[in-house]
C-alpha atoms as a PDB file:
ATOM      1  CA  MET A   1      26.913   5.217   1.438  1.00  0.00           C
ATOM      2  CA  ASN A   2      25.811   3.929  -1.962  1.00  0.00           C
ATOM      3  CA  GLY A   3      25.695   0.181  -1.947  1.00  0.00           C
ATOM      4  CA  LEU A   4      24.353   0.064   1.608  1.00  0.00           C
ATOM      5  CA  TRP A   5      22.682  -3.311   0.971  1.00  0.00           C
ATOM      6  CA  ARG A   6      24.488  -6.265   2.531  1.00  0.00           C
ATOM      7  CA  LYS A   7      23.973  -9.862   1.451  1.00  0.00           C
ATOM      8  CA  GLU A   8      23.487 -10.969   5.060  1.00  0.00           C
ATOM      9  CA  TRP A   9      20.214  -8.998   5.093  1.00  0.00           C
ATOM     10  CA  ALA A  10      18.777 -11.181   2.351  1.00  0.00           C
ATOM     11  CA  THR A  11      15.917 -13.456   3.310  1.00  0.00           C
ATOM     12  CA  GLY A  12      16.375 -15.774   0.350  1.00  0.00           C
ATOM     13  CA  LEU A  13      12.968 -14.795  -1.030  1.00  0.00           C
ATOM     14  CA  PRO A  14      13.615 -12.896  -4.282  1.00  0.00           C
ATOM     15  CA  LEU A  15      10.529 -10.638  -4.212  1.00  0.00           C
ATOM     16  CA  VAL A  16      11.011  -9.720  -0.553  1.00  0.00           C
ATOM     17  CA  ASP A  17      14.727  -9.120  -1.041  1.00  0.00           C
ATOM     18  CA  ALA A  18      14.122  -6.951  -4.116  1.00  0.00           C
ATOM     19  CA  ALA A  19      11.667  -4.769  -2.178  1.00  0.00           C
ATOM     20  CA  HIS A  20      14.021  -4.499   0.793  1.00  0.00           C
ATOM     21  CA  TYR A  21      16.938  -3.655  -1.506  1.00  0.00           C
ATOM     22  CA  GLU A  22      14.987  -0.814  -3.144  1.00  0.00           C
ATOM     23  CA  ILE A  23      13.960   0.660   0.214  1.00  0.00           C
ATOM     24  CA  VAL A  24      17.486   0.449   1.660  1.00  0.00           C
ATOM     25  CA  GLU A  25      18.967   2.071  -1.440  1.00  0.00           C
ATOM     26  CA  LEU A  26      16.380   4.888  -1.410  1.00  0.00           C
ATOM     27  CA  ILE A  27      17.252   5.635   2.205  1.00  0.00           C
ATOM     28  CA  ALA A  28      20.982   5.463   1.445  1.00  0.00           C
ATOM     29  CA  GLY A  29      20.475   7.821  -1.494  1.00  0.00           C
ATOM     30  CA  VAL A  30      18.991  10.495   0.753  1.00  0.00           C
ATOM     31  CA  MET A  31      21.936  10.309   3.119  1.00  0.00           C
ATOM     32  CA  ASP A  32      24.429  10.444   0.214  1.00  0.00           C
ATOM     33  CA  ASP A  33      22.821  13.226  -1.820  1.00  0.00           C
ATOM     34  CA  PRO A  34      25.349  16.102  -1.972  1.00  0.00           C
ATOM     35  CA  GLY A  35      22.653  18.534  -3.137  1.00  0.00           C
ATOM     36  CA  ARG A  36      20.353  17.942  -0.202  1.00  0.00           C
ATOM     37  CA  GLN A  37      20.754  21.349   1.459  1.00  0.00           C
ATOM     38  CA  ALA A  38      17.626  23.531   1.426  1.00  0.00           C
ATOM     39  CA  MET A  39      15.589  21.785  -1.250  1.00  0.00           C
ATOM     40  CA  PRO A  40      12.137  21.296   0.299  1.00  0.00           C
ATOM     41  CA  ALA A  41      10.469  20.270  -2.976  1.00  0.00           C
ATOM     42  CA  ARG A  42      13.134  17.637  -3.564  1.00  0.00           C
ATOM     43  CA  ALA A  43      12.761  16.430   0.031  1.00  0.00           C
ATOM     44  CA  ARG A  44       9.062  15.910  -0.602  1.00  0.00           C
ATOM     45  CA  LEU A  45       9.746  13.902  -3.768  1.00  0.00           C
ATOM     46  CA  VAL A  46      12.318  11.705  -2.055  1.00  0.00           C
ATOM     47  CA  PHE A  47      10.054  11.162   0.929  1.00  0.00           C
ATOM     48  CA  ASP A  48       7.156  10.282  -1.394  1.00  0.00           C
ATOM     49  CA  ARG A  49       9.246   7.555  -3.014  1.00  0.00           C
ATOM     50  CA  ILE A  50      10.405   6.080   0.287  1.00  0.00           C
ATOM     51  CA  GLU A  51       6.919   6.164   1.779  1.00  0.00           C
ATOM     52  CA  ALA A  52       5.314   4.595  -1.303  1.00  0.00           C
ATOM     53  CA  HIS A  53       7.862   1.767  -1.437  1.00  0.00           C
ATOM     54  CA  VAL A  54       7.593   1.005   2.273  1.00  0.00           C
ATOM     55  CA  LEU A  55       3.783   1.061   2.444  1.00  0.00           C
ATOM     56  CA  GLN A  56       3.386  -1.048  -0.721  1.00  0.00           C
ATOM     57  CA  HIS A  57       5.903  -3.551   0.636  1.00  0.00           C
ATOM     58  CA  PHE A  58       3.915  -3.817   3.868  1.00  0.00           C
ATOM     59  CA  LEU A  59       0.712  -4.525   1.923  1.00  0.00           C
ATOM     60  CA  ASP A  60       2.410  -7.163  -0.228  1.00  0.00           C
ATOM     61  CA  GLU A  61       4.107  -8.816   2.728  1.00  0.00           C
ATOM     62  CA  GLU A  62       0.929  -8.906   4.814  1.00  0.00           C
ATOM     63  CA  ALA A  63      -1.003 -10.419   1.892  1.00  0.00           C
ATOM     64  CA  GLU A  64       1.593 -13.204   1.749  1.00  0.00           C
ATOM     65  CA  MET A  65       1.278 -13.715   5.507  1.00  0.00           C
ATOM     66  CA  LEU A  66      -2.475 -14.056   5.174  1.00  0.00           C
ATOM     67  CA  THR A  67      -2.164 -16.480   2.259  1.00  0.00           C
ATOM     68  CA  TRP A  68       0.259 -18.701   4.168  1.00  0.00           C
ATOM     69  CA  GLU A  69      -1.543 -18.276   7.533  1.00  0.00           C
ATOM     70  CA  TYR A  70       1.575 -16.972   9.215  1.00  0.00           C
ATOM     71  CA  PRO A  71       1.073 -17.468  12.976  1.00  0.00           C
ATOM     72  CA  ARG A  72       3.015 -14.312  13.967  1.00  0.00           C
ATOM     73  CA  MET A  73       1.218 -12.047  11.509  1.00  0.00           C
ATOM     74  CA  LEU A  74      -0.364  -9.827  14.177  1.00  0.00           C
ATOM     75  CA  ALA A  75       2.962  -9.090  15.864  1.00  0.00           C
ATOM     76  CA  HIS A  76       4.516  -8.389  12.472  1.00  0.00           C
ATOM     77  CA  ARG A  77       1.674  -6.038  11.561  1.00  0.00           C
ATOM     78  CA  VAL A  78       2.194  -4.169  14.850  1.00  0.00           C
ATOM     79  CA  GLU A  79       5.784  -3.477  13.755  1.00  0.00           C
ATOM     80  CA  HIS A  80       4.531  -2.289  10.379  1.00  0.00           C
ATOM     81  CA  GLY A  81       2.047  -0.050  12.194  1.00  0.00           C
ATOM     82  CA  ARG A  82       4.832   1.580  14.188  1.00  0.00           C
ATOM     83  CA  LEU A  83       6.761   2.494  11.074  1.00  0.00           C
ATOM     84  CA  SER A  84       3.584   3.618   9.329  1.00  0.00           C
ATOM     85  CA  ALA A  85       2.930   5.983  12.254  1.00  0.00           C
ATOM     86  CA  LEU A  86       6.487   7.339  12.001  1.00  0.00           C
ATOM     87  CA  LEU A  87       6.011   7.856   8.261  1.00  0.00           C
ATOM     88  CA  ALA A  88       2.731   9.699   8.891  1.00  0.00           C
ATOM     89  CA  GLU A  89       4.451  11.977  11.411  1.00  0.00           C
ATOM     90  CA  LEU A  90       7.292  12.670   8.982  1.00  0.00           C
ATOM     91  CA  ARG A  91       4.762  13.243   6.178  1.00  0.00           C
ATOM     92  CA  GLY A  92       3.123  15.996   8.246  1.00  0.00           C
ATOM     93  CA  ARG A  93       6.469  17.620   8.956  1.00  0.00           C
ATOM     94  CA  VAL A  94       7.486  17.484   5.288  1.00  0.00           C
ATOM     95  CA  GLU A  95       4.128  18.946   4.193  1.00  0.00           C
ATOM     96  CA  ARG A  96       4.387  21.775   6.730  1.00  0.00           C
ATOM     97  CA  GLY A  97       7.906  22.564   5.515  1.00  0.00           C
ATOM     98  CA  GLU A  98       9.420  21.649   8.889  1.00  0.00           C
ATOM     99  CA  LEU A  99      11.540  18.898   7.430  1.00  0.00           C
ATOM    100  CA  GLY A 100      13.749  19.819   4.492  1.00  0.00           C
ATOM    101  CA  HIS A 101      16.054  17.477   2.654  1.00  0.00           C
ATOM    102  CA  GLU A 102      18.964  17.818   5.059  1.00  0.00           C
ATOM    103  CA  LEU A 103      16.799  17.042   8.078  1.00  0.00           C
ATOM    104  CA  LEU A 104      15.058  14.255   6.174  1.00  0.00           C
ATOM    105  CA  ALA A 105      18.450  12.593   5.789  1.00  0.00           C
ATOM    106  CA  GLY A 106      18.798  12.556   9.579  1.00  0.00           C
ATOM    107  CA  GLU A 107      15.331  11.102   9.986  1.00  0.00           C
ATOM    108  CA  ASN A 108      16.230   8.463   7.421  1.00  0.00           C
ATOM    109  CA  ARG A 109      18.866   7.177   9.802  1.00  0.00           C
ATOM    110  CA  LEU A 110      15.970   6.403  12.137  1.00  0.00           C
ATOM    111  CA  LEU A 111      13.991   4.787   9.313  1.00  0.00           C
ATOM    112  CA  GLY A 112      17.064   2.860   8.201  1.00  0.00           C
ATOM    113  CA  GLY A 113      17.766   1.645  11.720  1.00  0.00           C
ATOM    114  CA  TRP A 114      14.195   0.465  12.101  1.00  0.00           C
ATOM    115  CA  LEU A 115      14.283  -1.257   8.729  1.00  0.00           C
ATOM    116  CA  LEU A 116      17.569  -3.046   9.335  1.00  0.00           C
ATOM    117  CA  ASN A 117      16.349  -4.321  12.694  1.00  0.00           C
ATOM    118  CA  HIS A 118      13.083  -5.442  11.077  1.00  0.00           C
ATOM    119  CA  LEU A 119      14.999  -7.227   8.293  1.00  0.00           C
ATOM    120  CA  ALA A 120      17.210  -9.055  10.770  1.00  0.00           C
ATOM    121  CA  THR A 121      14.379 -10.213  13.002  1.00  0.00           C
ATOM    122  CA  ALA A 122      10.736 -10.179  11.908  1.00  0.00           C
ATOM    123  CA  ASP A 123      11.286 -10.516   8.155  1.00  0.00           C
ATOM    124  CA  ARG A 124      13.897 -13.241   8.608  1.00  0.00           C
ATOM    125  CA  ASP A 125      11.454 -15.191  10.794  1.00  0.00           C
ATOM    126  CA  PHE A 126       8.750 -14.867   8.147  1.00  0.00           C
ATOM    127  CA  ALA A 127      11.152 -15.977   5.402  1.00  0.00           C
ATOM    128  CA  GLU A 128      12.164 -19.048   7.409  1.00  0.00           C
ATOM    129  CA  PHE A 129       8.486 -19.877   7.947  1.00  0.00           C
ATOM    130  CA  LEU A 130       7.801 -19.587   4.197  1.00  0.00           C
ATOM    131  CA  ARG A 131      10.803 -21.727   3.235  1.00  0.00           C
ATOM    132  CA  ALA A 132       9.618 -24.445   5.600  1.00  0.00           C
ATOM    133  CA  ARG A 133       6.099 -24.356   4.114  1.00  0.00           C
ATOM    134  CA  ARG A 134       7.036 -24.322   0.427  1.00  0.00           C
END
């Protein structure tokens, strides 16, 4: 699944697209990793990277929304909150050893599905708003 990123997911905003690309490729890497069986320490490292990228992206994106006075910022932040809650739940499971690398790959399908939907809807709307304002 390497090369999961598709050009139709691009917003046209280089910084946003670069962040989205990194997150999508991290998620794809978990699903493609042939050595993922029974490596809890590796699962934790991979999860740490995904979580850090996603949460930093949310902070950066929300700062841009505030700067540009994006009218749908609250609804967008609610979506970010939902994924943040899912990440917190997964974090607990990883820390308790309930979610090894193989299971994390399955959960990443959920994260990936959420992300792709978010890219196609909420982030595209924000990008269109920014293009119109710049």
